[in-house]
Amino acid sequence: MGDFSQSVDVEKLISYSDDLVECLRGKRDIDSLTQCLEHSSALQSSCDADFGEVQSLVQACQENVCFIDWSIVGAFMDWRDGCISNSK
């Protein structure tokens, strides 16, 4: 890839980092970042709650499918047993 030290202008890097520090020193910027973090936390909490609800609904659907499947198998067995006993 080449020598990294040759491709980076140290003075530009220091200037950029100084600008970044000055930007973050402003109270308004920190307040904005804090507000974004709070909204992010609230969104994460809401997503977790929604995921839990969807997971419960999927589990309930899977249980219903299993119940219906066994009901169909049971009905078929009863029908088959009835056909066998009627043919005797």
C-alpha atoms as a PDB file:
ATOM      1  CA  MET A   1       0.000   0.000   0.000  1.00  0.00           C
ATOM      2  CA  GLY A   2       2.888   2.370   0.528  1.00  0.00           C
ATOM      3  CA  ASP A   3       4.304   4.221   3.461  1.00  0.00           C
ATOM      4  CA  PHE A   4       1.496   5.772   5.533  1.00  0.00           C
ATOM      5  CA  SER A   5       3.762   8.424   7.040  1.00  0.00           C
ATOM      6  CA  GLN A   6       4.465   9.837   3.600  1.00  0.00           C
ATOM      7  CA  SER A   7       0.800  10.086   2.630  1.00  0.00           C
ATOM      8  CA  VAL A   8      -0.372  11.932   5.765  1.00  0.00           C
ATOM      9  CA  ASP A   9       0.352  15.611   6.240  1.00  0.00           C
ATOM     10  CA  VAL A  10       0.866  15.874  10.000  1.00  0.00           C
ATOM     11  CA  GLU A  11       0.077  19.592  10.097  1.00  0.00           C
ATOM     12  CA  LYS A  12      -3.251  19.030   8.308  1.00  0.00           C
ATOM     13  CA  LEU A  13      -4.061  16.193  10.700  1.00  0.00           C
ATOM     14  CA  ILE A  14      -3.340  18.361  13.747  1.00  0.00           C
ATOM     15  CA  SER A  15      -5.384  21.205  12.271  1.00  0.00           C
ATOM     16  CA  TYR A  16      -8.300  18.847  11.616  1.00  0.00           C
ATOM     17  CA  SER A  17      -8.195  17.461  15.160  1.00  0.00           C
ATOM     18  CA  ASP A  18      -8.048  21.000  16.602  1.00  0.00           C
ATOM     19  CA  ASP A  19     -11.092  21.972  14.538  1.00  0.00           C
ATOM     20  CA  LEU A  20     -12.934  18.888  15.748  1.00  0.00           C
ATOM     21  CA  VAL A  21     -12.140  19.660  19.384  1.00  0.00           C
ATOM     22  CA  GLU A  22     -13.365  23.245  18.959  1.00  0.00           C
ATOM     23  CA  CYS A  23     -16.541  22.006  17.341  1.00  0.00           C
ATOM     24  CA  LEU A  24     -17.277  19.659  20.228  1.00  0.00           C
ATOM     25  CA  ARG A  25     -16.499  22.280  22.863  1.00  0.00           C
ATOM     26  CA  GLY A  26     -19.577  24.288  22.037  1.00  0.00           C
ATOM     27  CA  LYS A  27     -22.391  23.654  24.540  1.00  0.00           C
ATOM     28  CA  ARG A  28     -24.968  23.589  21.773  1.00  0.00           C
ATOM     29  CA  ASP A  29     -23.065  20.826  19.979  1.00  0.00           C
ATOM     30  CA  ILE A  30     -22.789  18.763  23.138  1.00  0.00           C
ATOM     31  CA  ASP A  31     -26.487  19.301  23.840  1.00  0.00           C
ATOM     32  CA  SER A  32     -27.313  18.158  20.309  1.00  0.00           C
ATOM     33  CA  LEU A  33     -25.170  15.064  20.688  1.00  0.00           C
ATOM     34  CA  THR A  34     -26.746  14.322  24.076  1.00  0.00           C
ATOM     35  CA  GLN A  35     -30.223  14.703  22.603  1.00  0.00           C
ATOM     36  CA  CYS A  36     -29.325  12.377  19.724  1.00  0.00           C
ATOM     37  CA  LEU A  37     -28.046   9.806  22.202  1.00  0.00           C
ATOM     38  CA  GLU A  38     -31.255  10.027  24.240  1.00  0.00           C
ATOM     39  CA  HIS A  39     -33.391   9.609  21.105  1.00  0.00           C
ATOM     40  CA  SER A  40     -31.214   6.698  20.050  1.00  0.00           C
ATOM     41  CA  SER A  41     -31.717   5.019  23.426  1.00  0.00           C
ATOM     42  CA  ALA A  42     -35.480   5.555  23.259  1.00  0.00           C
ATOM     43  CA  LEU A  43     -35.585   4.162  19.731  1.00  0.00           C
ATOM     44  CA  GLN A  44     -33.560   1.112  20.794  1.00  0.00           C
ATOM     45  CA  SER A  45     -35.930   0.498  23.699  1.00  0.00           C
ATOM     46  CA  SER A  46     -38.957   0.787  21.422  1.00  0.00           C
ATOM     47  CA  CYS A  47     -37.405  -1.575  18.882  1.00  0.00           C
ATOM     48  CA  ASP A  48     -36.619  -4.096  21.621  1.00  0.00           C
ATOM     49  CA  ALA A  49     -40.224  -3.974  22.833  1.00  0.00           C
ATOM     50  CA  ASP A  50     -41.569  -4.405  19.292  1.00  0.00           C
ATOM     51  CA  PHE A  51     -39.180  -7.295  18.664  1.00  0.00           C
ATOM     52  CA  GLY A  52     -40.319  -9.028  21.846  1.00  0.00           C
ATOM     53  CA  GLU A  53     -43.965  -8.637  20.861  1.00  0.00           C
ATOM     54  CA  VAL A  54     -43.365  -9.945  17.335  1.00  0.00           C
ATOM     55  CA  GLN A  55     -41.358 -12.858  18.714  1.00  0.00           C
ATOM     56  CA  SER A  56     -44.263 -13.788  21.019  1.00  0.00           C
ATOM     57  CA  LEU A  57     -46.745 -13.582  18.144  1.00  0.00           C
ATOM     58  CA  VAL A  58     -44.563 -15.777  15.926  1.00  0.00           C
ATOM     59  CA  GLN A  59     -44.267 -18.342  18.715  1.00  0.00           C
ATOM     60  CA  ALA A  60     -48.054 -18.345  19.174  1.00  0.00           C
ATOM     61  CA  CYS A  61     -48.521 -18.861  15.421  1.00  0.00           C
ATOM     62  CA  GLN A  62     -46.044 -21.742  15.441  1.00  0.00           C
ATOM     63  CA  GLU A  63     -47.912 -23.365  18.334  1.00  0.00           C
ATOM     64  CA  ASN A  64     -51.211 -22.967  16.450  1.00  0.00           C
ATOM     65  CA  VAL A  65     -49.705 -24.538  13.325  1.00  0.00           C
ATOM     66  CA  CYS A  66     -48.479 -27.512  15.380  1.00  0.00           C
ATOM     67  CA  PHE A  67     -51.912 -27.900  16.985  1.00  0.00           C
ATOM     68  CA  ILE A  68     -53.662 -27.769  13.604  1.00  0.00           C
ATOM     69  CA  ASP A  69     -51.145 -30.216  12.146  1.00  0.00           C
ATOM     70  CA  TRP A  70     -51.783 -32.714  14.941  1.00  0.00           C
ATOM     71  CA  SER A  71     -55.540 -32.171  14.615  1.00  0.00           C
ATOM     72  CA  ILE A  72     -55.358 -33.005  10.909  1.00  0.00           C
ATOM     73  CA  VAL A  73     -53.266 -36.105  11.595  1.00  0.00           C
ATOM     74  CA  GLY A  74     -55.731 -37.177  14.302  1.00  0.00           C
ATOM     75  CA  ALA A  75     -58.739 -36.620  12.033  1.00  0.00           C
ATOM     76  CA  PHE A  76     -57.078 -38.580   9.246  1.00  0.00           C
ATOM     77  CA  MET A  77     -56.305 -41.468  11.612  1.00  0.00           C
ATOM     78  CA  ASP A  78     -59.916 -41.490  12.859  1.00  0.00           C
ATOM     79  CA  TRP A  79     -61.194 -41.430   9.273  1.00  0.00           C
ATOM     80  CA  ARG A  80     -58.802 -44.226   8.256  1.00  0.00           C
ATOM     81  CA  ASP A  81     -59.775 -46.343  11.269  1.00  0.00           C
ATOM     82  CA  GLY A  82     -63.448 -45.801  10.403  1.00  0.00           C
ATOM     83  CA  CYS A  83     -62.844 -46.871   6.804  1.00  0.00           C
ATOM     84  CA  ILE A  84     -60.980 -49.989   7.907  1.00  0.00           C
ATOM     85  CA  SER A  85     -63.650 -51.025  10.449  1.00  0.00           C
ATOM     86  CA  ASN A  86     -66.477 -50.411   7.939  1.00  0.00           C
ATOM     87  CA  SER A  87     -64.791 -52.563   5.312  1.00  0.00           C
ATOM     88  CA  LYS A  88     -64.782 -55.639   7.575  1.00  0.00           C
END
